[in-house]
Amino acid sequence: MAEAAEIETLSFEAALAELEQIVGKLESGQAPLEDSIRLYARGAELKAHCEKRLEAARLQVEKIVKGASGGLGVEPAEFS
C-alpha cells in the first residue's frame, strides 16, 4: 500500500505524465509479462487518482444555487 499512498501525493500533472509513460511502455510490447502486470496495476491506480483529482476540480468550479421553485441545482461557477 506504500505505492498507493505515494500516488495520493502526486499532482494531477505528475500522475498523468507517469500514466502516459506506462501506456507507452505497455503499447510497445517490450516489457516482460511480470513487468507488464505491475505496470498495468500502477496505471490503474494512477488513472483512478487522476479521475479523483478531476472530479474534485469539477466540484470546485460548480456552485449550488437555489432555483425559483426552491429546489437546489448546480451551475458552473462564474469567472470574471
PDB file of N, CA and C in Angstrom:
ATOM      1  N   MET A   1       0.802  -1.212   0.000  1.00  0.00           N
ATOM      2  CA  MET A   1       0.000   0.000   0.000  1.00  0.00           C
ATOM      3  C   MET A   1       0.840   1.270   0.000  1.00  0.00           C
ATOM      4  N   ALA A   2       2.143   1.123   0.168  1.00  0.00           N
ATOM      5  CA  ALA A   2       3.006   2.297   0.160  1.00  0.00           C
ATOM      6  C   ALA A   2       2.910   3.017  -1.178  1.00  0.00           C
ATOM      7  N   GLU A   3       2.801   2.246  -2.267  1.00  0.00           N
ATOM      8  CA  GLU A   3       2.697   2.873  -3.590  1.00  0.00           C
ATOM      9  C   GLU A   3       1.396   3.658  -3.727  1.00  0.00           C
ATOM     10  N   ALA A   4       0.291   3.120  -3.187  1.00  0.00           N
ATOM     11  CA  ALA A   4      -0.988   3.829  -3.263  1.00  0.00           C
ATOM     12  C   ALA A   4      -0.925   5.130  -2.469  1.00  0.00           C
ATOM     13  N   ALA A   5      -0.281   5.098  -1.304  1.00  0.00           N
ATOM     14  CA  ALA A   5      -0.133   6.313  -0.514  1.00  0.00           C
ATOM     15  C   ALA A   5       0.734   7.325  -1.248  1.00  0.00           C
ATOM     16  N   GLU A   6       1.760   6.836  -1.929  1.00  0.00           N
ATOM     17  CA  GLU A   6       2.636   7.722  -2.692  1.00  0.00           C
ATOM     18  C   GLU A   6       1.883   8.358  -3.854  1.00  0.00           C
ATOM     19  N   ILE A   7       1.010   7.608  -4.481  1.00  0.00           N
ATOM     20  CA  ILE A   7       0.226   8.139  -5.598  1.00  0.00           C
ATOM     21  C   ILE A   7      -0.658   9.290  -5.124  1.00  0.00           C
ATOM     22  N   GLU A   8      -1.213   9.185  -3.934  1.00  0.00           N
ATOM     23  CA  GLU A   8      -2.086  10.231  -3.398  1.00  0.00           C
ATOM     24  C   GLU A   8      -1.376  11.575  -3.267  1.00  0.00           C
ATOM     25  N   THR A   9      -0.052  11.559  -3.169  1.00  0.00           N
ATOM     26  CA  THR A   9       0.696  12.807  -3.020  1.00  0.00           C
ATOM     27  C   THR A   9       1.015  13.459  -4.364  1.00  0.00           C
ATOM     28  N   LEU A  10       0.798  12.742  -5.459  1.00  0.00           N
ATOM     29  CA  LEU A  10       1.126  13.272  -6.784  1.00  0.00           C
ATOM     30  C   LEU A  10       0.120  14.321  -7.231  1.00  0.00           C
ATOM     31  N   SER A  11       0.617  15.322  -7.910  1.00  0.00           N
ATOM     32  CA  SER A  11      -0.279  16.273  -8.557  1.00  0.00           C
ATOM     33  C   SER A  11      -0.944  15.575  -9.736  1.00  0.00           C
ATOM     34  N   PHE A  12      -1.998  16.174 -10.245  1.00  0.00           N
ATOM     35  CA  PHE A  12      -2.671  15.627 -11.419  1.00  0.00           C
ATOM     36  C   PHE A  12      -1.685  15.513 -12.578  1.00  0.00           C
ATOM     37  N   GLU A  13      -0.908  16.567 -12.787  1.00  0.00           N
ATOM     38  CA  GLU A  13       0.017  16.603 -13.917  1.00  0.00           C
ATOM     39  C   GLU A  13       1.091  15.519 -13.804  1.00  0.00           C
ATOM     40  N   ALA A  14       1.625  15.322 -12.604  1.00  0.00           N
ATOM     41  CA  ALA A  14       2.660  14.300 -12.408  1.00  0.00           C
ATOM     42  C   ALA A  14       2.082  12.904 -12.606  1.00  0.00           C
ATOM     43  N   ALA A  15       0.881  12.677 -12.089  1.00  0.00           N
ATOM     44  CA  ALA A  15       0.236  11.370 -12.242  1.00  0.00           C
ATOM     45  C   ALA A  15      -0.073  11.092 -13.708  1.00  0.00           C
ATOM     46  N   LEU A  16      -0.556  12.098 -14.418  1.00  0.00           N
ATOM     47  CA  LEU A  16      -0.873  11.928 -15.836  1.00  0.00           C
ATOM     48  C   LEU A  16       0.384  11.650 -16.650  1.00  0.00           C
ATOM     49  N   ALA A  17       1.477  12.353 -16.348  1.00  0.00           N
ATOM     50  CA  ALA A  17       2.733  12.130 -17.071  1.00  0.00           C
ATOM     51  C   ALA A  17       3.227  10.700 -16.852  1.00  0.00           C
ATOM     52  N   GLU A  18       3.157  10.214 -15.614  1.00  0.00           N
ATOM     53  CA  GLU A  18       3.587   8.843 -15.346  1.00  0.00           C
ATOM     54  C   GLU A  18       2.669   7.845 -16.044  1.00  0.00           C
ATOM     55  N   LEU A  19       1.384   8.117 -16.026  1.00  0.00           N
ATOM     56  CA  LEU A  19       0.425   7.242 -16.700  1.00  0.00           C
ATOM     57  C   LEU A  19       0.716   7.177 -18.202  1.00  0.00           C
ATOM     58  N   GLU A  20       1.031   8.293 -18.807  1.00  0.00           N
ATOM     59  CA  GLU A  20       1.369   8.314 -20.230  1.00  0.00           C
ATOM     60  C   GLU A  20       2.623   7.485 -20.517  1.00  0.00           C
ATOM     61  N   GLN A  21       3.618   7.541 -19.631  1.00  0.00           N
ATOM     62  CA  GLN A  21       4.828   6.731 -19.796  1.00  0.00           C
ATOM     63  C   GLN A  21       4.495   5.243 -19.714  1.00  0.00           C
ATOM     64  N   ILE A  22       3.636   4.889 -18.766  1.00  0.00           N
ATOM     65  CA  ILE A  22       3.243   3.488 -18.604  1.00  0.00           C
ATOM     66  C   ILE A  22       2.513   2.990 -19.845  1.00  0.00           C
ATOM     67  N   VAL A  23       1.599   3.792 -20.351  1.00  0.00           N
ATOM     68  CA  VAL A  23       0.858   3.411 -21.559  1.00  0.00           C
ATOM     69  C   VAL A  23       1.827   3.188 -22.716  1.00  0.00           C
ATOM     70  N   GLY A  24       2.802   4.065 -22.846  1.00  0.00           N
ATOM     71  CA  GLY A  24       3.795   3.916 -23.903  1.00  0.00           C
ATOM     72  C   GLY A  24       4.571   2.613 -23.784  1.00  0.00           C
ATOM     73  N   LYS A  25       4.984   2.279 -22.568  1.00  0.00           N
ATOM     74  CA  LYS A  25       5.717   1.031 -22.343  1.00  0.00           C
ATOM     75  C   LYS A  25       4.857  -0.179 -22.657  1.00  0.00           C
ATOM     76  N   LEU A  26       3.592  -0.148 -22.209  1.00  0.00           N
ATOM     77  CA  LEU A  26       2.703  -1.282 -22.463  1.00  0.00           C
ATOM     78  C   LEU A  26       2.379  -1.426 -23.941  1.00  0.00           C
ATOM     79  N   GLU A  27       2.170  -0.300 -24.626  1.00  0.00           N
ATOM     80  CA  GLU A  27       1.862  -0.352 -26.057  1.00  0.00           C
ATOM     81  C   GLU A  27       3.043  -0.847 -26.884  1.00  0.00           C
ATOM     82  N   SER A  28       4.243  -0.623 -26.404  1.00  0.00           N
ATOM     83  CA  SER A  28       5.425  -1.060 -27.159  1.00  0.00           C
ATOM     84  C   SER A  28       5.550  -2.582 -27.171  1.00  0.00           C
ATOM     85  N   GLY A  29       4.973  -3.239 -26.167  1.00  0.00           N
ATOM     86  CA  GLY A  29       5.030  -4.689 -26.093  1.00  0.00           C
ATOM     87  C   GLY A  29       6.397  -5.225 -25.719  1.00  0.00           C
ATOM     88  N   GLN A  30       7.307  -4.373 -25.298  1.00  0.00           N
ATOM     89  CA  GLN A  30       8.670  -4.781 -24.988  1.00  0.00           C
ATOM     90  C   GLN A  30       8.866  -5.219 -23.539  1.00  0.00           C
ATOM     91  N   ALA A  31       7.916  -4.901 -22.660  1.00  0.00           N
ATOM     92  CA  ALA A  31       8.074  -5.254 -21.245  1.00  0.00           C
ATOM     93  C   ALA A  31       7.743  -6.725 -21.027  1.00  0.00           C
ATOM     94  N   PRO A  32       8.529  -7.403 -20.190  1.00  0.00           N
ATOM     95  CA  PRO A  32       8.213  -8.795 -19.846  1.00  0.00           C
ATOM     96  C   PRO A  32       6.842  -8.871 -19.161  1.00  0.00           C
ATOM     97  N   LEU A  33       6.239 -10.036 -19.182  1.00  0.00           N
ATOM     98  CA  LEU A  33       4.882 -10.221 -18.660  1.00  0.00           C
ATOM     99  C   LEU A  33       4.735  -9.714 -17.232  1.00  0.00           C
ATOM    100  N   GLU A  34       5.628 -10.096 -16.334  1.00  0.00           N
ATOM    101  CA  GLU A  34       5.517  -9.667 -14.931  1.00  0.00           C
ATOM    102  C   GLU A  34       5.600  -8.149 -14.806  1.00  0.00           C
ATOM    103  N   ASP A  35       6.481  -7.539 -15.563  1.00  0.00           N
ATOM    104  CA  ASP A  35       6.580  -6.081 -15.548  1.00  0.00           C
ATOM    105  C   ASP A  35       5.316  -5.443 -16.117  1.00  0.00           C
ATOM    106  N   SER A  36       4.770  -6.051 -17.159  1.00  0.00           N
ATOM    107  CA  SER A  36       3.534  -5.526 -17.758  1.00  0.00           C
ATOM    108  C   SER A  36       2.386  -5.558 -16.757  1.00  0.00           C
ATOM    109  N   ILE A  37       2.292  -6.634 -15.991  1.00  0.00           N
ATOM    110  CA  ILE A  37       1.234  -6.744 -14.982  1.00  0.00           C
ATOM    111  C   ILE A  37       1.420  -5.672 -13.915  1.00  0.00           C
ATOM    112  N   ARG A  38       2.648  -5.500 -13.450  1.00  0.00           N
ATOM    113  CA  ARG A  38       2.943  -4.481 -12.440  1.00  0.00           C
ATOM    114  C   ARG A  38       2.648  -3.072 -12.983  1.00  0.00           C
ATOM    115  N   LEU A  39       3.060  -2.818 -14.218  1.00  0.00           N
ATOM    116  CA  LEU A  39       2.801  -1.518 -14.836  1.00  0.00           C
ATOM    117  C   LEU A  39       1.309  -1.269 -15.010  1.00  0.00           C
ATOM    118  N   TYR A  40       0.577  -2.302 -15.418  1.00  0.00           N
ATOM    119  CA  TYR A  40      -0.862  -2.159 -15.605  1.00  0.00           C
ATOM    120  C   TYR A  40      -1.543  -1.802 -14.280  1.00  0.00           C
ATOM    121  N   ALA A  41      -1.143  -2.479 -13.204  1.00  0.00           N
ATOM    122  CA  ALA A  41      -1.727  -2.201 -11.886  1.00  0.00           C
ATOM    123  C   ALA A  41      -1.420  -0.768 -11.455  1.00  0.00           C
ATOM    124  N   ARG A  42      -0.190  -0.348 -11.655  1.00  0.00           N
ATOM    125  CA  ARG A  42       0.196   1.028 -11.311  1.00  0.00           C
ATOM    126  C   ARG A  42      -0.596   2.016 -12.166  1.00  0.00           C
ATOM    127  N   GLY A  43      -0.756   1.719 -13.442  1.00  0.00           N
ATOM    128  CA  GLY A  43      -1.520   2.590 -14.328  1.00  0.00           C
ATOM    129  C   GLY A  43      -2.967   2.713 -13.895  1.00  0.00           C
ATOM    130  N   ALA A  44      -3.556   1.610 -13.443  1.00  0.00           N
ATOM    131  CA  ALA A  44      -4.946   1.645 -12.974  1.00  0.00           C
ATOM    132  C   ALA A  44      -5.063   2.541 -11.746  1.00  0.00           C
ATOM    133  N   GLU A  45      -4.085   2.473 -10.845  1.00  0.00           N
ATOM    134  CA  GLU A  45      -4.107   3.338  -9.655  1.00  0.00           C
ATOM    135  C   GLU A  45      -3.930   4.798 -10.040  1.00  0.00           C
ATOM    136  N   LEU A  46      -3.042   5.062 -10.987  1.00  0.00           N
ATOM    137  CA  LEU A  46      -2.830   6.433 -11.454  1.00  0.00           C
ATOM    138  C   LEU A  46      -4.075   6.983 -12.142  1.00  0.00           C
ATOM    139  N   LYS A  47      -4.733   6.150 -12.934  1.00  0.00           N
ATOM    140  CA  LYS A  47      -5.961   6.569 -13.619  1.00  0.00           C
ATOM    141  C   LYS A  47      -7.030   6.941 -12.600  1.00  0.00           C
ATOM    142  N   ALA A  48      -7.197   6.118 -11.579  1.00  0.00           N
ATOM    143  CA  ALA A  48      -8.191   6.406 -10.539  1.00  0.00           C
ATOM    144  C   ALA A  48      -7.854   7.704  -9.813  1.00  0.00           C
ATOM    145  N   HIS A  49      -6.570   7.921  -9.559  1.00  0.00           N
ATOM    146  CA  HIS A  49      -6.135   9.147  -8.886  1.00  0.00           C
ATOM    147  C   HIS A  49      -6.451  10.366  -9.755  1.00  0.00           C
ATOM    148  N   CYS A  50      -6.156  10.281 -11.052  1.00  0.00           N
ATOM    149  CA  CYS A  50      -6.435  11.393 -11.961  1.00  0.00           C
ATOM    150  C   CYS A  50      -7.931  11.686 -12.025  1.00  0.00           C
ATOM    151  N   GLU A  51      -8.739  10.637 -12.087  1.00  0.00           N
ATOM    152  CA  GLU A  51     -10.190  10.830 -12.115  1.00  0.00           C
ATOM    153  C   GLU A  51     -10.676  11.511 -10.840  1.00  0.00           C
ATOM    154  N   LYS A  52     -10.113  11.112  -9.711  1.00  0.00           N
ATOM    155  CA  LYS A  52     -10.488  11.715  -8.427  1.00  0.00           C
ATOM    156  C   LYS A  52     -10.109  13.190  -8.394  1.00  0.00           C
ATOM    157  N   ARG A  53      -8.914  13.508  -8.888  1.00  0.00           N
ATOM    158  CA  ARG A  53      -8.476  14.908  -8.929  1.00  0.00           C
ATOM    159  C   ARG A  53      -9.357  15.743  -9.861  1.00  0.00           C
ATOM    160  N   LEU A  54      -9.726  15.176 -11.005  1.00  0.00           N
ATOM    161  CA  LEU A  54     -10.597  15.899 -11.941  1.00  0.00           C
ATOM    162  C   LEU A  54     -11.973  16.153 -11.335  1.00  0.00           C
ATOM    163  N   GLU A  55     -12.509  15.165 -10.646  1.00  0.00           N
ATOM    164  CA  GLU A  55     -13.815  15.341 -10.004  1.00  0.00           C
ATOM    165  C   GLU A  55     -13.748  16.418  -8.933  1.00  0.00           C
ATOM    166  N   ALA A  56     -12.678  16.438  -8.157  1.00  0.00           N
ATOM    167  CA  ALA A  56     -12.512  17.469  -7.130  1.00  0.00           C
ATOM    168  C   ALA A  56     -12.442  18.853  -7.770  1.00  0.00           C
ATOM    169  N   ALA A  57     -11.742  18.957  -8.881  1.00  0.00           N
ATOM    170  CA  ALA A  57     -11.646  20.240  -9.583  1.00  0.00           C
ATOM    171  C   ALA A  57     -13.001  20.656 -10.128  1.00  0.00           C
ATOM    172  N   ARG A  58     -13.742  19.685 -10.679  1.00  0.00           N
ATOM    173  CA  ARG A  58     -15.071  19.999 -11.212  1.00  0.00           C
ATOM    174  C   ARG A  58     -15.977  20.539 -10.114  1.00  0.00           C
ATOM    175  N   LEU A  59     -15.919  19.927  -8.958  1.00  0.00           N
ATOM    176  CA  LEU A  59     -16.764  20.370  -7.851  1.00  0.00           C
ATOM    177  C   LEU A  59     -16.378  21.761  -7.363  1.00  0.00           C
ATOM    178  N   GLN A  60     -15.116  22.094  -7.481  1.00  0.00           N
ATOM    179  CA  GLN A  60     -14.672  23.418  -7.059  1.00  0.00           C
ATOM    180  C   GLN A  60     -15.179  24.516  -7.976  1.00  0.00           C
ATOM    181  N   VAL A  61     -15.427  24.199  -9.238  1.00  0.00           N
ATOM    182  CA  VAL A  61     -15.867  25.240 -10.167  1.00  0.00           C
ATOM    183  C   VAL A  61     -17.374  25.256 -10.372  1.00  0.00           C
ATOM    184  N   GLU A  62     -18.070  24.414  -9.651  1.00  0.00           N
ATOM    185  CA  GLU A  62     -19.527  24.472  -9.680  1.00  0.00           C
ATOM    186  C   GLU A  62     -20.001  25.111  -8.392  1.00  0.00           C
ATOM    187  N   LYS A  63     -21.173  25.688  -8.435  1.00  0.00           N
ATOM    188  CA  LYS A  63     -21.743  26.239  -7.223  1.00  0.00           C
ATOM    189  C   LYS A  63     -23.196  25.799  -7.117  1.00  0.00           C
ATOM    190  N   ILE A  64     -23.628  25.679  -5.911  1.00  0.00           N
ATOM    191  CA  ILE A  64     -25.011  25.275  -5.661  1.00  0.00           C
ATOM    192  C   ILE A  64     -25.876  26.533  -5.671  1.00  0.00           C
ATOM    193  N   VAL A  65     -27.001  26.451  -6.377  1.00  0.00           N
ATOM    194  CA  VAL A  65     -27.911  27.593  -6.461  1.00  0.00           C
ATOM    195  C   VAL A  65     -29.312  27.141  -6.086  1.00  0.00           C
ATOM    196  N   LYS A  66     -30.072  28.059  -5.552  1.00  0.00           N
ATOM    197  CA  LYS A  66     -31.462  27.773  -5.207  1.00  0.00           C
ATOM    198  C   LYS A  66     -32.340  28.357  -6.303  1.00  0.00           C
ATOM    199  N   GLY A  67     -33.114  27.479  -6.953  1.00  0.00           N
ATOM    200  CA  GLY A  67     -33.964  27.902  -8.054  1.00  0.00           C
ATOM    201  C   GLY A  67     -35.215  28.612  -7.570  1.00  0.00           C
ATOM    202  N   ALA A  68     -35.981  29.174  -8.509  1.00  0.00           N
ATOM    203  CA  ALA A  68     -37.205  29.902  -8.192  1.00  0.00           C
ATOM    204  C   ALA A  68     -38.221  29.010  -7.482  1.00  0.00           C
ATOM    205  N   SER A  69     -38.217  27.717  -7.796  1.00  0.00           N
ATOM    206  CA  SER A  69     -39.162  26.798  -7.176  1.00  0.00           C
ATOM    207  C   SER A  69     -38.689  26.324  -5.802  1.00  0.00           C
ATOM    208  N   GLY A  70     -37.510  26.783  -5.400  1.00  0.00           N
ATOM    209  CA  GLY A  70     -36.973  26.389  -4.107  1.00  0.00           C
ATOM    210  C   GLY A  70     -36.064  25.181  -4.160  1.00  0.00           C
ATOM    211  N   GLY A  71     -36.005  24.527  -5.318  1.00  0.00           N
ATOM    212  CA  GLY A  71     -35.136  23.366  -5.451  1.00  0.00           C
ATOM    213  C   GLY A  71     -33.683  23.781  -5.631  1.00  0.00           C
ATOM    214  N   LEU A  72     -32.805  22.912  -5.223  1.00  0.00           N
ATOM    215  CA  LEU A  72     -31.377  23.184  -5.380  1.00  0.00           C
ATOM    216  C   LEU A  72     -30.890  22.643  -6.707  1.00  0.00           C
ATOM    217  N   GLY A  73     -29.973  23.341  -7.305  1.00  0.00           N
ATOM    218  CA  GLY A  73     -29.376  22.912  -8.551  1.00  0.00           C
ATOM    219  C   GLY A  73     -27.906  23.284  -8.576  1.00  0.00           C
ATOM    220  N   VAL A  74     -27.258  22.963  -9.657  1.00  0.00           N
ATOM    221  CA  VAL A  74     -25.834  23.259  -9.812  1.00  0.00           C
ATOM    222  C   VAL A  74     -25.652  24.002 -11.110  1.00  0.00           C
ATOM    223  N   GLU A  75     -24.798  24.990 -11.076  1.00  0.00           N
ATOM    224  CA  GLU A  75     -24.448  25.687 -12.304  1.00  0.00           C
ATOM    225  C   GLU A  75     -22.959  25.994 -12.272  1.00  0.00           C
ATOM    226  N   PRO A  76     -22.367  26.187 -13.436  1.00  0.00           N
ATOM    227  CA  PRO A  76     -20.936  26.485 -13.466  1.00  0.00           C
ATOM    228  C   PRO A  76     -20.620  27.764 -12.706  1.00  0.00           C
ATOM    229  N   ALA A  77     -19.496  27.796 -12.052  1.00  0.00           N
ATOM    230  CA  ALA A  77     -19.059  28.999 -11.363  1.00  0.00           C
ATOM    231  C   ALA A  77     -18.742  30.059 -12.408  1.00  0.00           C
ATOM    232  N   GLU A  78     -18.939  31.290 -12.040  1.00  0.00           N
ATOM    233  CA  GLU A  78     -18.663  32.395 -12.950  1.00  0.00           C
ATOM    234  C   GLU A  78     -17.260  32.896 -12.691  1.00  0.00           C
ATOM    235  N   PHE A  79     -16.508  33.073 -13.754  1.00  0.00           N
ATOM    236  CA  PHE A  79     -15.162  33.610 -13.651  1.00  0.00           C
ATOM    237  C   PHE A  79     -15.151  34.951 -14.335  1.00  0.00           C
ATOM    238  N   SER A  80     -14.822  35.985 -13.565  1.00  0.00           N
ATOM    239  CA  SER A  80     -14.786  37.299 -14.192  1.00  0.00           C
ATOM    240  C   SER A  80     -13.494  37.995 -13.913  1.00  0.00           C
TER     241      SER A  80
END
